[in-house]
């Protein structure tokens, strides 16, 4: 069988892939899929693609687009979701900050440079009417690092997907001051350029299995229970999340990519745009 490494965050979005692995769906197609969980998120996965430590990754749209434009050795393959990510804006439970406007000029905890937590901090600042050049950061690597930083007061706020952080809110470790939606579909599938050029058939096989499972996942009678049990979430919360989440099996179009890049430029996340041929496997 052909070994393929797929990197993704250990979060509920990737439940269809975990189920496909458990069902042996990749193995049936001759693929020995190794799913690597990356707690550090998109910034780390971009590095893994460059270093050929991952053949394929499921990453945040803004992070991988910026990485490719800046010379990363990867290309977009297709969409993984069609809906935006809902980022909770969190402070430590005992923090003095009571509303989002209080956070102007404070320090955002981020997993690493180029991560979604960094880039969405710029989006949030722009939405709030703040000068994005004045946003300051502390690198904390993981959610656990953010808990430490917000509790100790070395960082003031942290942006992360609101349903994955809900247990921390329920435990009164974080308080959520607001929610900021990404202005684009949140997750894409990308591949390192060497793997994609040398193994196009294997890549398409992997995609076919992923698409089969994502297209049918919400029709599973056990979908809510699958996520709740795996990620220690309340079934009611998972039900609400599934109502606002749609996976995608669609190709990326030049029109959509151009629109997203225009938005990234407007948020000062990128300072130049890439061509469709430079960024997408066609």
Protein backbone atom coordinates (compact mmCIF):
# COMPACT_ATOMS: atom_id res chain seq x y z
CA UNK A 1 0.00 0.00 0.00
CA UNK A 2 1.03 3.59 -0.58
CA UNK A 3 1.78 5.47 2.66
CA UNK A 4 0.30 8.97 2.77
CA UNK A 5 0.63 11.31 5.74
CA UNK A 6 -2.30 13.65 6.38
CA UNK A 7 -1.93 16.38 9.01
CA UNK A 8 -4.86 18.02 10.74
CA UNK A 9 -5.91 19.58 14.01
CA UNK A 10 -7.33 17.28 16.70
CA UNK A 11 -10.75 18.89 16.41
CA UNK A 12 -14.30 17.95 15.53
CA UNK A 13 -14.05 19.09 11.90
CA UNK A 14 -11.91 16.03 11.16
CA UNK A 15 -14.30 13.44 12.57
CA UNK A 16 -15.27 12.16 9.07
CA UNK A 17 -11.61 11.35 8.40
CA UNK A 18 -11.26 9.52 11.71
CA UNK A 19 -14.33 7.45 10.86
CA UNK A 20 -12.97 6.66 7.40
CA UNK A 21 -9.76 5.42 9.00
CA UNK A 22 -11.65 3.27 11.50
CA UNK A 23 -13.77 1.81 8.69
CA UNK A 24 -10.65 0.92 6.67
CA UNK A 25 -11.88 3.05 3.77
CA UNK A 26 -8.42 4.28 2.80
CA UNK A 27 -6.87 0.82 3.09
CA UNK A 28 -9.57 -0.57 0.78
CA UNK A 29 -8.22 1.79 -1.88
CA UNK A 30 -4.59 0.82 -1.32
CA UNK A 31 -3.72 3.83 0.86
CA UNK A 32 -1.95 3.48 4.19
CA UNK A 33 -3.15 6.81 5.56
CA UNK A 34 -1.28 8.12 8.58
CA UNK A 35 -3.29 10.89 10.23
CA UNK A 36 -1.01 13.20 12.22
CA UNK A 37 -2.71 15.40 14.80
CA UNK A 38 -1.11 18.82 15.10
CA UNK A 39 -2.16 20.72 18.22
CA UNK A 40 -0.15 23.77 17.16
CA UNK A 41 -2.43 24.35 14.16
CA UNK A 42 -2.00 25.83 10.70
CA UNK A 43 1.36 27.55 11.15
CA UNK A 44 2.98 24.27 12.18
CA UNK A 45 1.30 22.34 9.39
CA UNK A 46 2.62 24.81 6.81
CA UNK A 47 6.13 24.05 8.08
CA UNK A 48 5.42 20.32 7.89
CA UNK A 49 4.33 20.59 4.26
CA UNK A 50 7.51 22.46 3.37
CA UNK A 51 9.67 19.89 5.17
CA UNK A 52 7.75 16.99 3.54
CA UNK A 53 6.76 15.78 7.00
CA UNK A 54 3.17 15.83 5.73
CA UNK A 55 2.00 14.96 2.24
CA UNK A 56 -1.43 16.53 2.66
CA UNK A 57 -2.90 18.84 5.29
CA UNK A 58 -6.26 20.32 6.23
CA UNK A 59 -5.55 23.92 7.18
CA UNK A 60 -7.14 27.29 7.73
CA UNK A 61 -7.68 29.15 4.46
CA UNK A 62 -5.99 32.40 5.50
CA UNK A 63 -2.89 30.69 6.87
CA UNK A 64 -2.10 28.43 3.92
CA UNK A 65 -2.85 31.20 1.39
CA UNK A 66 -0.38 33.50 3.09
CA UNK A 67 2.17 30.70 3.30
CA UNK A 68 1.96 29.87 -0.42
CA UNK A 69 2.14 33.53 -1.45
CA UNK A 70 5.27 33.90 0.69
CA UNK A 71 7.00 31.02 -1.09
CA UNK A 72 5.72 27.96 0.76
CA UNK A 73 6.22 24.62 -0.99
CA UNK A 74 2.56 23.71 -1.11
CA UNK A 75 -0.54 24.18 -3.21
CA UNK A 76 -4.26 24.25 -2.54
CA UNK A 77 -6.17 21.16 -3.65
CA UNK A 78 -9.85 21.73 -2.83
CA UNK A 79 -12.18 23.03 -0.16
CA UNK A 80 -12.75 20.99 2.98
CA UNK A 81 -15.54 23.14 4.40
CA UNK A 82 -17.84 25.70 2.79
CA UNK A 83 -18.80 27.56 5.99
CA UNK A 84 -16.76 30.08 8.01
CA UNK A 85 -15.07 29.34 11.31
CA UNK A 86 -16.57 30.98 14.38
CA UNK A 87 -13.69 32.28 16.49
CA UNK A 88 -14.41 32.94 20.14
CA UNK A 89 -12.67 35.98 21.62
CA UNK A 90 -11.56 34.78 25.05
CA UNK A 91 -10.01 36.32 28.15
CA UNK A 92 -9.01 34.67 31.41
CA UNK A 93 -11.99 34.14 33.70
CA UNK A 94 -10.65 36.60 36.29
CA UNK A 95 -9.59 39.16 33.68
CA UNK A 96 -10.52 42.81 34.17
CA UNK A 97 -11.73 43.02 30.56
CA UNK A 98 -15.50 42.88 30.20
CA UNK A 99 -16.16 43.63 26.53
CA UNK A 100 -14.33 43.40 23.21
CA UNK A 101 -13.70 47.13 23.01
CA UNK A 102 -11.62 46.84 26.19
CA UNK A 103 -9.05 44.79 24.28
CA UNK A 104 -7.75 47.62 22.10
CA UNK A 105 -3.97 47.88 22.48
CA UNK A 106 -3.66 44.66 24.50
CA UNK A 107 -1.70 41.45 23.81
CA UNK A 108 -3.19 38.54 21.87
CA UNK A 109 -2.02 35.01 22.58
CA UNK A 110 -1.32 33.11 19.34
CA UNK A 111 -0.13 29.59 18.60
CA UNK A 112 2.66 30.80 16.29
CA UNK A 113 3.41 33.29 13.52
CA UNK A 114 1.30 32.63 10.46
CA UNK A 115 -1.31 30.76 12.48
CA UNK A 116 -5.04 31.29 12.23
CA UNK A 117 -5.03 32.71 15.75
CA UNK A 118 -2.61 35.42 14.61
CA UNK A 119 -4.29 36.18 11.30
CA UNK A 120 -7.78 36.29 12.77
CA UNK A 121 -6.50 38.73 15.39
CA UNK A 122 -5.87 41.10 12.49
CA UNK A 123 -9.36 40.43 11.11
CA UNK A 124 -10.87 41.08 14.53
CA UNK A 125 -8.89 44.30 14.96
CA UNK A 126 -9.98 45.53 11.53
CA UNK A 127 -13.61 44.69 12.31
CA UNK A 128 -13.30 46.68 15.55
CA UNK A 129 -11.88 49.67 13.68
CA UNK A 130 -8.44 49.40 15.33
CA UNK A 131 -5.08 49.97 13.67
CA UNK A 132 -3.98 46.43 12.76
CA UNK A 133 -0.33 47.51 12.85
CA UNK A 134 -0.66 48.03 16.61
CA UNK A 135 -1.81 44.48 17.41
CA UNK A 136 0.71 42.79 19.73
CA UNK A 137 1.26 39.07 20.25
CA UNK A 138 2.64 36.44 22.58
CA UNK A 139 3.39 33.01 21.05
CA UNK A 140 1.89 30.30 23.28
CA UNK A 141 1.95 27.30 20.86
CA UNK A 142 -1.21 25.48 22.02
CA UNK A 143 -4.52 25.94 23.82
CA UNK A 144 -2.81 24.78 27.00
CA UNK A 145 -0.23 27.52 26.47
CA UNK A 146 -3.03 30.04 26.06
CA UNK A 147 -4.60 28.91 29.33
CA UNK A 148 -1.28 29.50 31.09
CA UNK A 149 -0.74 32.91 29.44
CA UNK A 150 -4.24 34.26 30.08
CA UNK A 151 -4.27 32.97 33.65
CA UNK A 152 -0.84 34.51 34.37
CA UNK A 153 -1.72 37.74 32.57
CA UNK A 154 1.19 37.69 30.11
CA UNK A 155 -1.43 37.73 27.33
CA UNK A 156 -4.82 39.42 27.43
CA UNK A 157 -6.99 37.54 24.94
CA UNK A 158 -7.00 34.45 22.78
CA UNK A 159 -8.99 33.61 19.66
CA UNK A 160 -9.90 29.99 18.95
CA UNK A 161 -12.85 28.04 17.57
CA UNK A 162 -15.72 28.62 19.98
CA UNK A 163 -17.00 25.07 20.29
CA UNK A 164 -13.58 23.57 21.03
CA UNK A 165 -13.03 26.18 23.73
CA UNK A 166 -16.51 25.75 25.25
CA UNK A 167 -15.29 23.31 27.93
CA UNK A 168 -12.80 25.96 29.12
CA UNK A 169 -15.63 28.50 29.30
CA UNK A 170 -17.85 26.04 31.17
CA UNK A 171 -15.02 25.35 33.62
CA UNK A 172 -14.60 29.10 34.23
CA UNK A 173 -11.04 29.13 32.90
CA UNK A 174 -11.93 31.41 29.97
CA UNK A 175 -14.67 33.99 29.49
CA UNK A 176 -15.89 34.62 25.95
CA UNK A 177 -16.41 38.29 25.14
CA UNK A 178 -17.57 37.78 21.57
CA UNK A 179 -17.42 35.77 18.37
CA UNK A 180 -15.65 36.71 15.13
CA UNK A 181 -16.50 34.76 11.95
CA UNK A 182 -13.86 34.24 9.30
CA UNK A 183 -14.93 36.09 6.13
CA UNK A 184 -14.28 32.99 3.97
CA UNK A 185 -14.76 29.19 4.06
CA UNK A 186 -12.51 28.14 6.91
CA UNK A 187 -10.70 24.94 5.89
CA UNK A 188 -8.95 23.86 2.70
CA UNK A 189 -7.01 20.77 1.72
CA UNK A 190 -3.45 21.42 0.57
CA UNK A 191 -0.56 19.19 -0.49
CA UNK A 192 3.18 19.66 -0.60
CA UNK A 193 4.21 20.28 -4.19
CA UNK A 194 6.59 17.30 -4.42
CA UNK A 195 3.99 14.79 -3.29
CA UNK A 196 1.31 16.30 -5.53
CA UNK A 197 3.49 16.25 -8.65
CA UNK A 198 4.83 12.71 -8.07
CA UNK A 199 1.64 11.05 -6.79
CA UNK A 200 -1.38 12.60 -8.51
CA UNK A 201 -3.38 9.35 -8.58
CA UNK A 202 -2.80 8.65 -4.89
CA UNK A 203 -3.80 12.22 -4.05
CA UNK A 204 -7.05 11.84 -5.96
CA UNK A 205 -7.74 8.53 -4.19
CA UNK A 206 -7.31 10.15 -0.79
CA UNK A 207 -9.59 13.01 -1.80
CA UNK A 208 -12.26 10.62 -3.07
CA UNK A 209 -12.43 8.84 0.30
CA UNK A 210 -12.48 12.12 2.25
CA UNK A 211 -15.22 13.52 0.02
CA UNK A 212 -17.32 10.37 0.37
CA UNK A 213 -17.23 10.61 4.15
CA UNK A 214 -17.69 14.37 4.46
CA UNK A 215 -20.64 14.37 2.04
CA UNK A 216 -22.52 11.75 4.06
CA UNK A 217 -21.40 12.56 7.61
CA UNK A 218 -24.33 14.77 8.63
CA UNK A 219 -26.74 12.05 7.55
CA UNK A 220 -25.29 9.61 10.08
CA UNK A 221 -27.67 8.95 12.94
CA UNK A 222 -24.68 8.92 15.29
CA UNK A 223 -22.98 12.10 14.01
CA UNK A 224 -23.73 14.16 17.12
CA UNK A 225 -22.76 11.36 19.47
CA UNK A 226 -19.55 10.63 17.52
CA UNK A 227 -18.31 14.19 18.00
CA UNK A 228 -19.56 14.65 21.56
CA UNK A 229 -17.86 11.47 22.77
CA UNK A 230 -14.55 12.05 20.97
CA UNK A 231 -14.13 15.67 21.96
CA UNK A 232 -15.86 15.77 25.35
CA UNK A 233 -18.56 18.19 24.25
CA UNK A 234 -22.19 18.38 25.24
CA UNK A 235 -24.51 16.80 22.62
CA UNK A 236 -26.63 19.97 22.53
CA UNK A 237 -23.54 22.05 21.70
CA UNK A 238 -22.56 19.61 18.95
CA UNK A 239 -26.07 19.71 17.54
CA UNK A 240 -25.89 23.52 17.34
CA UNK A 241 -22.46 23.34 15.70
CA UNK A 242 -23.64 20.88 13.06
CA UNK A 243 -26.48 23.26 12.17
CA UNK A 244 -23.97 25.94 11.09
CA UNK A 245 -21.28 23.71 9.59
CA UNK A 246 -21.10 22.34 6.06
CA UNK A 247 -18.30 20.29 4.57
CA UNK A 248 -17.36 20.77 0.93
CA UNK A 249 -16.26 18.54 -1.91
CA UNK A 250 -15.82 21.42 -4.35
CA UNK A 251 -12.85 22.61 -6.32
CA UNK A 252 -11.42 26.06 -5.72
CA UNK A 253 -12.23 28.56 -8.47
CA UNK A 254 -10.10 31.48 -9.57
CA UNK A 255 -12.98 33.85 -8.82
CA UNK A 256 -13.30 32.67 -5.21
CA UNK A 257 -9.54 32.67 -4.67
CA UNK A 258 -9.28 36.22 -5.99
CA UNK A 259 -12.10 37.38 -3.70
CA UNK A 260 -10.40 35.82 -0.65
CA UNK A 261 -7.05 37.35 -1.53
CA UNK A 262 -8.66 40.77 -1.88
CA UNK A 263 -10.04 40.35 1.63
CA UNK A 264 -6.64 39.22 2.96
CA UNK A 265 -5.05 42.32 1.43
CA UNK A 266 -7.70 44.55 2.99
CA UNK A 267 -6.93 43.06 6.43
CA UNK A 268 -3.17 43.54 5.86
CA UNK A 269 -2.63 39.78 6.16
CA UNK A 270 -0.91 39.66 2.76
CA UNK A 271 0.73 42.47 0.82
CA UNK A 272 0.59 40.81 -2.61
CA UNK A 273 -1.59 38.33 -4.45
CA UNK A 274 -0.67 35.05 -6.08
CA UNK A 275 -1.98 33.72 -9.37
CA UNK A 276 -4.35 30.78 -9.54
CA UNK A 277 -1.66 28.69 -11.25
CA UNK A 278 0.84 29.45 -8.47
CA UNK A 279 -1.56 28.54 -5.68
CA UNK A 280 -3.87 25.75 -6.83
CA UNK A 281 -3.31 22.25 -8.21
CA UNK A 282 -5.35 22.11 -11.39
